[in-house]
Structure formats: C-alpha cells, structure tokens
Amino acid sequence: MTKFRPLHDRVVVRRLEGEQKTAGGIIIPDTAKEKPMEGEVVAVGAGARNEQGQVVALDVKAGDRVLFGKWSGTEVKIDGEELLIMKESDILGIVAA
C-alpha cells in the first residue's frame, strides 16, 4: 500500500474472503455471496482528541483481525486494492489469534 495514513480515529481495513462453498459442498457464485464482515487492519490514524484536547490512541493496530458491521465504512480503491475506511467505533471487536 502507498504511504496512505488515515486521520484521527479512522482505520483502513482489508476484507477477508468469505467461504466459497456451503457446508454441503455447493459453490456459491460471487453474485449471491454476502460481503464478509471480517477484515485485517492495514493502517490506523493517530487517535481522536478528548475534551481536554489530548490525543487518545486507538485500541486496534495494523495486523489485527477485526469484525465490523455489515454496512460499516466507505469502500475505496488504493493502489488497485479495494479497502474500507471506517471509524474505530464501527469495529465491533478484535478476533483473537
């Protein structure tokens, strides 16, 4: 990825690919698949400012696997790669390794 750095409490996430088949072995076509709600954090901003003007660091970091809401984020294309930019508050949680 280029030298793109999100601002404030924004996070750049790469969607992880969903299942290609059902449990019964039926292949799901791209048009019928739901977009995955799991991704990998690619980059994070410095953090949001609190009421005192201090920067509060984010809880997520690059490399974390996260779950996010179905309609979260804004889809963007950076260096030909489709990514999501969202606020940290749109992230539901970190998936343990």
PDB file of N, CA and C in Angstrom:
ATOM      1  N   MET A   1       0.846  -1.176   0.000  1.00  0.00           N
ATOM      2  CA  MET A   1       0.000   0.000   0.000  1.00  0.00           C
ATOM      3  C   MET A   1       0.892   1.240   0.000  1.00  0.00           C
ATOM      4  N   THR A   2       0.435   2.283  -0.664  1.00  0.00           N
ATOM      5  CA  THR A   2       1.217   3.524  -0.707  1.00  0.00           C
ATOM      6  C   THR A   2       1.310   4.118   0.679  1.00  0.00           C
ATOM      7  N   LYS A   3       1.878   5.253   0.755  1.00  0.00           N
ATOM      8  CA  LYS A   3       2.029   5.923   2.035  1.00  0.00           C
ATOM      9  C   LYS A   3       0.729   6.651   2.382  1.00  0.00           C
ATOM     10  N   PHE A   4      -0.347   5.898   2.550  1.00  0.00           N
ATOM     11  CA  PHE A   4      -1.644   6.444   2.936  1.00  0.00           C
ATOM     12  C   PHE A   4      -1.806   6.270   4.434  1.00  0.00           C
ATOM     13  N   ARG A   5      -2.108   7.347   5.121  1.00  0.00           N
ATOM     14  CA  ARG A   5      -2.297   7.299   6.574  1.00  0.00           C
ATOM     15  C   ARG A   5      -3.656   7.904   6.891  1.00  0.00           C
ATOM     16  N   PRO A   6      -4.550   7.128   7.506  1.00  0.00           N
ATOM     17  CA  PRO A   6      -5.852   7.675   7.880  1.00  0.00           C
ATOM     18  C   PRO A   6      -5.697   8.706   8.991  1.00  0.00           C
ATOM     19  N   LEU A   7      -6.623   9.647   9.046  1.00  0.00           N
ATOM     20  CA  LEU A   7      -6.569  10.693  10.054  1.00  0.00           C
ATOM     21  C   LEU A   7      -7.411  10.339  11.272  1.00  0.00           C
ATOM     22  N   HIS A   8      -7.034  10.926  12.406  1.00  0.00           N
ATOM     23  CA  HIS A   8      -7.777  10.855  13.664  1.00  0.00           C
ATOM     24  C   HIS A   8      -8.092   9.416  14.074  1.00  0.00           C
ATOM     25  N   ASP A   9      -9.391   9.097  14.246  1.00  0.00           N
ATOM     26  CA  ASP A   9      -9.756   7.755  14.734  1.00  0.00           C
ATOM     27  C   ASP A   9     -10.237   6.855  13.598  1.00  0.00           C
ATOM     28  N   ARG A  10      -9.727   7.094  12.398  1.00  0.00           N
ATOM     29  CA  ARG A  10     -10.110   6.264  11.257  1.00  0.00           C
ATOM     30  C   ARG A  10      -9.129   5.104  11.089  1.00  0.00           C
ATOM     31  N   VAL A  11      -9.650   4.014  10.508  1.00  0.00           N
ATOM     32  CA  VAL A  11      -8.894   2.775  10.348  1.00  0.00           C
ATOM     33  C   VAL A  11      -9.094   2.282   8.920  1.00  0.00           C
ATOM     34  N   VAL A  12      -8.035   1.782   8.284  1.00  0.00           N
ATOM     35  CA  VAL A  12      -8.133   1.174   6.958  1.00  0.00           C
ATOM     36  C   VAL A  12      -8.143  -0.338   7.144  1.00  0.00           C
ATOM     37  N   VAL A  13      -9.163  -1.008   6.549  1.00  0.00           N
ATOM     38  CA  VAL A  13      -9.353  -2.445   6.731  1.00  0.00           C
ATOM     39  C   VAL A  13      -9.426  -3.134   5.373  1.00  0.00           C
ATOM     40  N   ARG A  14      -8.752  -4.280   5.258  1.00  0.00           N
ATOM     41  CA  ARG A  14      -8.842  -5.144   4.072  1.00  0.00           C
ATOM     42  C   ARG A  14      -9.794  -6.270   4.417  1.00  0.00           C
ATOM     43  N   ARG A  15     -10.879  -6.408   3.633  1.00  0.00           N
ATOM     44  CA  ARG A  15     -11.830  -7.500   3.882  1.00  0.00           C
ATOM     45  C   ARG A  15     -11.145  -8.841   3.687  1.00  0.00           C
ATOM     46  N   LEU A  16     -11.488  -9.802   4.540  1.00  0.00           N
ATOM     47  CA  LEU A  16     -11.016 -11.168   4.358  1.00  0.00           C
ATOM     48  C   LEU A  16     -12.054 -11.916   3.544  1.00  0.00           C
ATOM     49  N   GLU A  17     -11.610 -12.790   2.691  1.00  0.00           N
ATOM     50  CA  GLU A  17     -12.516 -13.523   1.810  1.00  0.00           C
ATOM     51  C   GLU A  17     -13.423 -14.450   2.593  1.00  0.00           C
ATOM     52  N   GLY A  18     -14.685 -14.500   2.195  1.00  0.00           N
ATOM     53  CA  GLY A  18     -15.651 -15.397   2.818  1.00  0.00           C
ATOM     54  C   GLY A  18     -15.560 -16.794   2.238  1.00  0.00           C
ATOM     55  N   GLU A  19     -16.399 -17.676   2.730  1.00  0.00           N
ATOM     56  CA  GLU A  19     -16.432 -19.060   2.257  1.00  0.00           C
ATOM     57  C   GLU A  19     -16.878 -19.121   0.799  1.00  0.00           C
ATOM     58  N   GLN A  20     -16.247 -19.985   0.025  1.00  0.00           N
ATOM     59  CA  GLN A  20     -16.589 -20.178  -1.380  1.00  0.00           C
ATOM     60  C   GLN A  20     -17.644 -21.266  -1.561  1.00  0.00           C
ATOM     61  N   LYS A  21     -17.810 -22.145  -0.524  1.00  0.00           N
ATOM     62  CA  LYS A  21     -18.749 -23.265  -0.610  1.00  0.00           C
ATOM     63  C   LYS A  21     -19.603 -23.317   0.644  1.00  0.00           C
ATOM     64  N   THR A  22     -20.770 -23.925   0.511  1.00  0.00           N
ATOM     65  CA  THR A  22     -21.607 -24.182   1.681  1.00  0.00           C
ATOM     66  C   THR A  22     -21.090 -25.429   2.374  1.00  0.00           C
ATOM     67  N   ALA A  23     -21.631 -25.735   3.554  1.00  0.00           N
ATOM     68  CA  ALA A  23     -21.214 -26.936   4.285  1.00  0.00           C
ATOM     69  C   ALA A  23     -21.501 -28.191   3.476  1.00  0.00           C
ATOM     70  N   GLY A  24     -22.524 -28.164   2.619  1.00  0.00           N
ATOM     71  CA  GLY A  24     -22.873 -29.318   1.791  1.00  0.00           C
ATOM     72  C   GLY A  24     -22.040 -29.422   0.518  1.00  0.00           C
ATOM     73  N   GLY A  25     -21.138 -28.461   0.293  1.00  0.00           N
ATOM     74  CA  GLY A  25     -20.251 -28.532  -0.866  1.00  0.00           C
ATOM     75  C   GLY A  25     -20.736 -27.758  -2.080  1.00  0.00           C
ATOM     76  N   ILE A  26     -21.826 -27.013  -1.959  1.00  0.00           N
ATOM     77  CA  ILE A  26     -22.331 -26.228  -3.091  1.00  0.00           C
ATOM     78  C   ILE A  26     -21.504 -24.955  -3.212  1.00  0.00           C
ATOM     79  N   ILE A  27     -21.010 -24.689  -4.411  1.00  0.00           N
ATOM     80  CA  ILE A  27     -20.201 -23.491  -4.651  1.00  0.00           C
ATOM     81  C   ILE A  27     -21.136 -22.282  -4.757  1.00  0.00           C
ATOM     82  N   ILE A  28     -20.790 -21.224  -4.035  1.00  0.00           N
ATOM     83  CA  ILE A  28     -21.603 -20.007  -4.015  1.00  0.00           C
ATOM     84  C   ILE A  28     -21.071 -19.047  -5.085  1.00  0.00           C
ATOM     85  N   PRO A  29     -21.906 -18.613  -6.055  1.00  0.00           N
ATOM     86  CA  PRO A  29     -21.432 -17.656  -7.053  1.00  0.00           C
ATOM     87  C   PRO A  29     -21.202 -16.276  -6.432  1.00  0.00           C
ATOM     88  N   ASP A  30     -20.305 -15.482  -7.028  1.00  0.00           N
ATOM     89  CA  ASP A  30     -19.976 -14.158  -6.498  1.00  0.00           C
ATOM     90  C   ASP A  30     -21.200 -13.274  -6.315  1.00  0.00           C
ATOM     91  N   THR A  31     -22.172 -13.388  -7.212  1.00  0.00           N
ATOM     92  CA  THR A  31     -23.348 -12.523  -7.145  1.00  0.00           C
ATOM     93  C   THR A  31     -24.232 -12.848  -5.952  1.00  0.00           C
ATOM     94  N   ALA A  32     -24.157 -14.051  -5.403  1.00  0.00           N
ATOM     95  CA  ALA A  32     -25.003 -14.454  -4.280  1.00  0.00           C
ATOM     96  C   ALA A  32     -24.306 -14.330  -2.932  1.00  0.00           C
ATOM     97  N   LYS A  33     -22.987 -14.101  -2.951  1.00  0.00           N
ATOM     98  CA  LYS A  33     -22.229 -14.037  -1.701  1.00  0.00           C
ATOM     99  C   LYS A  33     -22.470 -12.722  -0.980  1.00  0.00           C
ATOM    100  N   GLU A  34     -22.511 -12.801   0.337  1.00  0.00           N
ATOM    101  CA  GLU A  34     -22.542 -11.588   1.134  1.00  0.00           C
ATOM    102  C   GLU A  34     -21.100 -11.157   1.372  1.00  0.00           C
ATOM    103  N   LYS A  35     -20.900  -9.860   1.460  1.00  0.00           N
ATOM    104  CA  LYS A  35     -19.556  -9.377   1.724  1.00  0.00           C
ATOM    105  C   LYS A  35     -19.173  -9.763   3.143  1.00  0.00           C
ATOM    106  N   PRO A  36     -17.934 -10.222   3.335  1.00  0.00           N
ATOM    107  CA  PRO A  36     -17.518 -10.626   4.682  1.00  0.00           C
ATOM    108  C   PRO A  36     -17.491  -9.441   5.635  1.00  0.00           C
ATOM    109  N   MET A  37     -17.752  -9.728   6.905  1.00  0.00           N
ATOM    110  CA  MET A  37     -17.719  -8.693   7.930  1.00  0.00           C
ATOM    111  C   MET A  37     -16.486  -8.855   8.815  1.00  0.00           C
ATOM    112  N   GLU A  38     -15.479  -9.527   8.276  1.00  0.00           N
ATOM    113  CA  GLU A  38     -14.223  -9.719   8.977  1.00  0.00           C
ATOM    114  C   GLU A  38     -13.110  -9.186   8.098  1.00  0.00           C
ATOM    115  N   GLY A  39     -12.131  -8.550   8.717  1.00  0.00           N
ATOM    116  CA  GLY A  39     -11.043  -7.989   7.938  1.00  0.00           C
ATOM    117  C   GLY A  39      -9.776  -7.860   8.747  1.00  0.00           C
ATOM    118  N   GLU A  40      -8.740  -7.408   8.054  1.00  0.00           N
ATOM    119  CA  GLU A  40      -7.440  -7.175   8.676  1.00  0.00           C
ATOM    120  C   GLU A  40      -7.152  -5.683   8.633  1.00  0.00           C
ATOM    121  N   VAL A  41      -6.746  -5.129   9.768  1.00  0.00           N
ATOM    122  CA  VAL A  41      -6.407  -3.713   9.840  1.00  0.00           C
ATOM    123  C   VAL A  41      -5.106  -3.487   9.089  1.00  0.00           C
ATOM    124  N   VAL A  42      -5.131  -2.540   8.152  1.00  0.00           N
ATOM    125  CA  VAL A  42      -3.958  -2.230   7.340  1.00  0.00           C
ATOM    126  C   VAL A  42      -3.219  -1.018   7.904  1.00  0.00           C
ATOM    127  N   ALA A  43      -3.979   0.011   8.324  1.00  0.00           N
ATOM    128  CA  ALA A  43      -3.376   1.236   8.855  1.00  0.00           C
ATOM    129  C   ALA A  43      -4.358   1.897   9.814  1.00  0.00           C
ATOM    130  N   VAL A  44      -3.825   2.642  10.775  1.00  0.00           N
ATOM    131  CA  VAL A  44      -4.668   3.355  11.739  1.00  0.00           C
ATOM    132  C   VAL A  44      -4.202   4.802  11.863  1.00  0.00           C
ATOM    133  N   GLY A  45      -5.139   5.670  12.232  1.00  0.00           N
ATOM    134  CA  GLY A  45      -4.810   7.061  12.487  1.00  0.00           C
ATOM    135  C   GLY A  45      -4.172   7.209  13.857  1.00  0.00           C
ATOM    136  N   ALA A  46      -3.793   8.441  14.187  1.00  0.00           N
ATOM    137  CA  ALA A  46      -3.117   8.718  15.455  1.00  0.00           C
ATOM    138  C   ALA A  46      -4.060   8.632  16.642  1.00  0.00           C
ATOM    139  N   GLY A  47      -5.349   8.855  16.429  1.00  0.00           N
ATOM    140  CA  GLY A  47      -6.315   8.804  17.520  1.00  0.00           C
ATOM    141  C   GLY A  47      -7.181  10.042  17.551  1.00  0.00           C
ATOM    142  N   ALA A  48      -8.258   9.972  18.310  1.00  0.00           N
ATOM    143  CA  ALA A  48      -9.188  11.094  18.437  1.00  0.00           C
ATOM    144  C   ALA A  48      -8.757  11.961  19.616  1.00  0.00           C
ATOM    145  N   ARG A  49      -9.227  13.191  19.624  1.00  0.00           N
ATOM    146  CA  ARG A  49      -8.937  14.092  20.746  1.00  0.00           C
ATOM    147  C   ARG A  49     -10.091  14.069  21.734  1.00  0.00           C
ATOM    148  N   ASN A  50      -9.762  14.062  23.023  1.00  0.00           N
ATOM    149  CA  ASN A  50     -10.798  14.128  24.054  1.00  0.00           C
ATOM    150  C   ASN A  50     -11.141  15.590  24.343  1.00  0.00           C
ATOM    151  N   GLU A  51     -11.996  15.836  25.340  1.00  0.00           N
ATOM    152  CA  GLU A  51     -12.430  17.203  25.641  1.00  0.00           C
ATOM    153  C   GLU A  51     -11.288  18.105  26.095  1.00  0.00           C
ATOM    154  N   GLN A  52     -10.238  17.517  26.649  1.00  0.00           N
ATOM    155  CA  GLN A  52      -9.087  18.303  27.087  1.00  0.00           C
ATOM    156  C   GLN A  52      -8.097  18.568  25.946  1.00  0.00           C
ATOM    157  N   GLY A  53      -8.380  18.047  24.757  1.00  0.00           N
ATOM    158  CA  GLY A  53      -7.508  18.258  23.602  1.00  0.00           C
ATOM    159  C   GLY A  53      -6.378  17.255  23.495  1.00  0.00           C
ATOM    160  N   GLN A  54      -6.367  16.243  24.369  1.00  0.00           N
ATOM    161  CA  GLN A  54      -5.311  15.229  24.321  1.00  0.00           C
ATOM    162  C   GLN A  54      -5.682  14.148  23.315  1.00  0.00           C
ATOM    163  N   VAL A  55      -4.680  13.636  22.604  1.00  0.00           N
ATOM    164  CA  VAL A  55      -4.912  12.560  21.642  1.00  0.00           C
ATOM    165  C   VAL A  55      -5.033  11.242  22.393  1.00  0.00           C
ATOM    166  N   VAL A  56      -6.124  10.523  22.132  1.00  0.00           N
ATOM    167  CA  VAL A  56      -6.356   9.216  22.751  1.00  0.00           C
ATOM    168  C   VAL A  56      -6.057   8.150  21.685  1.00  0.00           C
ATOM    169  N   ALA A  57      -5.051   7.325  21.945  1.00  0.00           N
ATOM    170  CA  ALA A  57      -4.626   6.304  20.976  1.00  0.00           C
ATOM    171  C   ALA A  57      -5.737   5.288  20.744  1.00  0.00           C
ATOM    172  N   LEU A  58      -5.724   4.662  19.562  1.00  0.00           N
ATOM    173  CA  LEU A  58      -6.722   3.659  19.207  1.00  0.00           C
ATOM    174  C   LEU A  58      -6.392   2.319  19.862  1.00  0.00           C
ATOM    175  N   ASP A  59      -7.423   1.476  20.027  1.00  0.00           N
ATOM    176  CA  ASP A  59      -7.231   0.139  20.606  1.00  0.00           C
ATOM    177  C   ASP A  59      -6.779  -0.879  19.571  1.00  0.00           C
ATOM    178  N   VAL A  60      -7.010  -0.589  18.286  1.00  0.00           N
ATOM    179  CA  VAL A  60      -6.606  -1.526  17.233  1.00  0.00           C
ATOM    180  C   VAL A  60      -5.287  -1.070  16.636  1.00  0.00           C
ATOM    181  N   LYS A  61      -4.579  -2.039  16.027  1.00  0.00           N
ATOM    182  CA  LYS A  61      -3.309  -1.715  15.364  1.00  0.00           C
ATOM    183  C   LYS A  61      -3.226  -2.497  14.057  1.00  0.00           C
ATOM    184  N   ALA A  62      -2.332  -2.104  13.187  1.00  0.00           N
ATOM    185  CA  ALA A  62      -2.148  -2.788  11.907  1.00  0.00           C
ATOM    186  C   ALA A  62      -1.857  -4.261  12.178  1.00  0.00           C
ATOM    187  N   GLY A  63      -2.511  -5.138  11.418  1.00  0.00           N
ATOM    188  CA  GLY A  63      -2.326  -6.575  11.561  1.00  0.00           C
ATOM    189  C   GLY A  63      -3.422  -7.253  12.364  1.00  0.00           C
ATOM    190  N   ASP A  64      -4.213  -6.490  13.137  1.00  0.00           N
ATOM    191  CA  ASP A  64      -5.311  -7.080  13.914  1.00  0.00           C
ATOM    192  C   ASP A  64      -6.406  -7.587  12.978  1.00  0.00           C
ATOM    193  N   ARG A  65      -6.999  -8.745  13.316  1.00  0.00           N
ATOM    194  CA  ARG A  65      -8.195  -9.243  12.625  1.00  0.00           C
ATOM    195  C   ARG A  65      -9.399  -8.734  13.382  1.00  0.00           C
ATOM    196  N   VAL A  66     -10.311  -8.085  12.688  1.00  0.00           N
ATOM    197  CA  VAL A  66     -11.438  -7.440  13.355  1.00  0.00           C
ATOM    198  C   VAL A  66     -12.762  -7.823  12.707  1.00  0.00           C
ATOM    199  N   LEU A  67     -13.835  -7.675  13.494  1.00  0.00           N
ATOM    200  CA  LEU A  67     -15.197  -7.813  12.990  1.00  0.00           C
ATOM    201  C   LEU A  67     -15.813  -6.424  12.954  1.00  0.00           C
ATOM    202  N   PHE A  68     -16.597  -6.153  11.901  1.00  0.00           N
ATOM    203  CA  PHE A  68     -17.233  -4.845  11.784  1.00  0.00           C
ATOM    204  C   PHE A  68     -18.650  -5.026  11.273  1.00  0.00           C
ATOM    205  N   GLY A  69     -19.461  -3.987  11.409  1.00  0.00           N
ATOM    206  CA  GLY A  69     -20.851  -4.041  10.990  1.00  0.00           C
ATOM    207  C   GLY A  69     -20.992  -4.219   9.486  1.00  0.00           C
ATOM    208  N   LYS A  70     -22.108  -4.798   9.083  1.00  0.00           N
ATOM    209  CA  LYS A  70     -22.362  -5.114   7.680  1.00  0.00           C
ATOM    210  C   LYS A  70     -22.250  -3.900   6.761  1.00  0.00           C
ATOM    211  N   TRP A  71     -22.721  -2.759   7.203  1.00  0.00           N
ATOM    212  CA  TRP A  71     -22.724  -1.558   6.356  1.00  0.00           C
ATOM    213  C   TRP A  71     -21.677  -0.556   6.792  1.00  0.00           C
ATOM    214  N   SER A  72     -20.684  -0.979   7.554  1.00  0.00           N
ATOM    215  CA  SER A  72     -19.664  -0.067   8.079  1.00  0.00           C
ATOM    216  C   SER A  72     -18.673   0.342   7.011  1.00  0.00           C
ATOM    217  N   GLY A  73     -18.182   1.544   7.148  1.00  0.00           N
ATOM    218  CA  GLY A  73     -17.070   2.013   6.341  1.00  0.00           C
ATOM    219  C   GLY A  73     -17.429   2.516   4.961  1.00  0.00           C
ATOM    220  N   THR A  74     -16.431   3.106   4.338  1.00  0.00           N
ATOM    221  CA  THR A  74     -16.522   3.621   2.980  1.00  0.00           C
ATOM    222  C   THR A  74     -15.549   2.837   2.128  1.00  0.00           C
ATOM    223  N   GLU A  75     -16.044   2.255   1.030  1.00  0.00           N
ATOM    224  CA  GLU A  75     -15.170   1.474   0.155  1.00  0.00           C
ATOM    225  C   GLU A  75     -14.340   2.417  -0.701  1.00  0.00           C
ATOM    226  N   VAL A  76     -13.034   2.172  -0.754  1.00  0.00           N
ATOM    227  CA  VAL A  76     -12.108   2.958  -1.561  1.00  0.00           C
ATOM    228  C   VAL A  76     -11.156   2.007  -2.281  1.00  0.00           C
ATOM    229  N   LYS A  77     -10.531   2.505  -3.324  1.00  0.00           N
ATOM    230  CA  LYS A  77      -9.530   1.717  -4.043  1.00  0.00           C
ATOM    231  C   LYS A  77      -8.211   2.470  -3.923  1.00  0.00           C
ATOM    232  N   ILE A  78      -7.218   1.826  -3.309  1.00  0.00           N
ATOM    233  CA  ILE A  78      -5.893   2.420  -3.136  1.00  0.00           C
ATOM    234  C   ILE A  78      -4.888   1.479  -3.774  1.00  0.00           C
ATOM    235  N   ASP A  79      -4.122   1.981  -4.727  1.00  0.00           N
ATOM    236  CA  ASP A  79      -3.155   1.159  -5.469  1.00  0.00           C
ATOM    237  C   ASP A  79      -3.812  -0.071  -6.079  1.00  0.00           C
ATOM    238  N   GLY A  80      -5.048   0.054  -6.556  1.00  0.00           N
ATOM    239  CA  GLY A  80      -5.752  -1.046  -7.197  1.00  0.00           C
ATOM    240  C   GLY A  80      -6.358  -2.045  -6.232  1.00  0.00           C
ATOM    241  N   GLU A  81      -6.196  -1.846  -4.936  1.00  0.00           N
ATOM    242  CA  GLU A  81      -6.741  -2.771  -3.938  1.00  0.00           C
ATOM    243  C   GLU A  81      -7.982  -2.155  -3.297  1.00  0.00           C
ATOM    244  N   GLU A  82      -9.054  -2.958  -3.195  1.00  0.00           N
ATOM    245  CA  GLU A  82     -10.280  -2.474  -2.567  1.00  0.00           C
ATOM    246  C   GLU A  82     -10.162  -2.585  -1.058  1.00  0.00           C
ATOM    247  N   LEU A  83     -10.331  -1.454  -0.379  1.00  0.00           N
ATOM    248  CA  LEU A  83     -10.204  -1.381   1.066  1.00  0.00           C
ATOM    249  C   LEU A  83     -11.398  -0.636   1.649  1.00  0.00           C
ATOM    250  N   LEU A  84     -11.535  -0.666   2.963  1.00  0.00           N
ATOM    251  CA  LEU A  84     -12.570   0.071   3.676  1.00  0.00           C
ATOM    252  C   LEU A  84     -11.901   1.067   4.615  1.00  0.00           C
ATOM    253  N   ILE A  85     -12.463   2.274   4.675  1.00  0.00           N
ATOM    254  CA  ILE A  85     -12.038   3.242   5.674  1.00  0.00           C
ATOM    255  C   ILE A  85     -13.220   3.440   6.606  1.00  0.00           C
ATOM    256  N   MET A  86     -12.989   3.250   7.905  1.00  0.00           N
ATOM    257  CA  MET A  86     -14.070   3.392   8.880  1.00  0.00           C
ATOM    258  C   MET A  86     -13.535   3.991  10.164  1.00  0.00           C
ATOM    259  N   LYS A  87     -14.434   4.480  10.985  1.00  0.00           N
ATOM    260  CA  LYS A  87     -14.046   4.962  12.309  1.00  0.00           C
ATOM    261  C   LYS A  87     -13.830   3.748  13.210  1.00  0.00           C
ATOM    262  N   GLU A  88     -12.978   3.907  14.199  1.00  0.00           N
ATOM    263  CA  GLU A  88     -12.712   2.798  15.110  1.00  0.00           C
ATOM    264  C   GLU A  88     -14.007   2.341  15.791  1.00  0.00           C
ATOM    265  N   SER A  89     -14.936   3.244  16.025  1.00  0.00           N
ATOM    266  CA  SER A  89     -16.183   2.889  16.692  1.00  0.00           C
ATOM    267  C   SER A  89     -17.059   1.964  15.847  1.00  0.00           C
ATOM    268  N   ASP A  90     -16.794   1.862  14.533  1.00  0.00           N
ATOM    269  CA  ASP A  90     -17.531   0.929  13.670  1.00  0.00           C
ATOM    270  C   ASP A  90     -17.038  -0.502  13.828  1.00  0.00           C
ATOM    271  N   ILE A  91     -15.867  -0.675  14.439  1.00  0.00           N
ATOM    272  CA  ILE A  91     -15.308  -2.005  14.651  1.00  0.00           C
ATOM    273  C   ILE A  91     -15.954  -2.608  15.897  1.00  0.00           C
ATOM    274  N   LEU A  92     -16.480  -3.823  15.753  1.00  0.00           N
ATOM    275  CA  LEU A  92     -17.175  -4.476  16.851  1.00  0.00           C
ATOM    276  C   LEU A  92     -16.235  -5.165  17.825  1.00  0.00           C
ATOM    277  N   GLY A  93     -15.109  -5.669  17.325  1.00  0.00           N
ATOM    278  CA  GLY A  93     -14.167  -6.347  18.206  1.00  0.00           C
ATOM    279  C   GLY A  93     -12.989  -6.913  17.447  1.00  0.00           C
ATOM    280  N   ILE A  94     -11.985  -7.331  18.199  1.00  0.00           N
ATOM    281  CA  ILE A  94     -10.778  -7.939  17.649  1.00  0.00           C
ATOM    282  C   ILE A  94     -10.906  -9.452  17.793  1.00  0.00           C
ATOM    283  N   VAL A  95     -10.616 -10.192  16.714  1.00  0.00           N
ATOM    284  CA  VAL A  95     -10.662 -11.651  16.736  1.00  0.00           C
ATOM    285  C   VAL A  95      -9.333 -12.144  17.288  1.00  0.00           C
ATOM    286  N   ALA A  96      -9.386 -12.949  18.347  1.00  0.00           N
ATOM    287  CA  ALA A  96      -8.160 -13.465  18.972  1.00  0.00           C
ATOM    288  C   ALA A  96      -7.413 -14.364  18.003  1.00  0.00           C
ATOM    289  N   ALA A  97      -6.101 -14.303  18.061  1.00  0.00           N
ATOM    290  CA  ALA A  97      -5.258 -15.099  17.160  1.00  0.00           C
ATOM    291  C   ALA A  97      -5.315 -16.564  17.507  1.00  0.00           C
TER     292      ALA A  97
END
